[in-house]
């Protein structure tokens, strides 16, 4: 009888282990197929479930010309993933009661007091008064009326006039200089009228500098990167880490990739000597490991693994609350099914069809084709990082997120 019980127990344990095992080889297959088809040179996948790393894998090459294999600690240009970090920094100042979410921005930057709104009538620009001030909440939720030439091509001459049409706006020597240009240019719509992606976050970067008395890079290092042990996140890479920066590629032909020429598009900005300009809209580089630490701090209500606060749970709730009402966000002229919080995209009931994430999951990506997704209900974090131009991989990124969720659901009974 004891032998029968022992055999039954062993069989049950083997069955339970098999049931609990999560097979992520489908993700390997999808990414490797993209590499074979010369759609990407390589990438990194990093997945956390229930606070445990279940995938940490590198694929392909970081540098094709030198056949340098991708590593899991490779450093990527995270572009607009910078925005969420800036949002958390702003909310830290809100938590300390140094600023208020509904404060007018001219309370801190006086030049915004005189800003007008532009309208296009019969091919002529017409200036009208603002119906109200831009608030910090507007800036965080991209409802300020400050946008970009990509989002509003009809106002391209204005963006050119105010020198706000350059990639990552690297022509400026400081955020102070750039924000003076932003405040001088008329808004593309009334504050609060709609979501308009663009330069709002650079205004927030300057706000952080003014209120904290620190350059933006120093504020982030002191209040976010060091507390979270994010050791590989920078605006300008130190020399001893520059060889870990992944090359950026574009599709040259059906069966080949070509490295982006930095004289055509300035992809080498992280390798420049350290300057005084810090692009809050998209200038950071990071690793999947570092950014996961940041996402975990949000997922677990602003705490690190050692329970050190970077944000309280009340402020995290505000970060992840819908700011657009019945509206959705628009990016690249495309209307999303999802909505937006104070610096992050939020999965709506309609948006679940994209990757099967739970309602209230938060996410965003970067122009060089990096992406993160945090499913709060399932306790899942995904990061899929590639370096490709232009921003053409969202279908692949969403597919990988959905595949991750499906794999985990199969083994947790959440289908």
Foldseek 3Di string as FASTA:
>chain_A
DVVVVVVVVVVVVVVLVVLQDFDPVVLVVLQVVCCQQAVFQWWWKWKDFPNHTPGTDITHALDDVVRHGADSFFKEQFFQVLLVLLLLLLLLCVVVVLFPQFDFLCVQVVLLVPAWEWDADPNDTDTDHAPDGAGNLLLLQQQALQAACLQPVSCVVLCVVLVNHAVLSVPDQALVSSVSSSSHGHGHDHRPPAHHHHQSQSSSQVVSCRSVVHQSQVSCVVQPCVVLVQPQKGLAGDPVNVVSHGFAWEDPDSRHIDTDDCVVPVPCRNHDPDGRYGRSSGRMMGGPVSVVSVVVCLLVQQAGPVGDHSHHNVSSVQQLDFPNVVAAHADSNRGAPWTHGSRWTFQDPRNCVQQVADGSWTKDGRQQDWIWIARSVRRMIIIMDGGYPGNDCSSVVSPSNNSVVVSNCSSPVVD
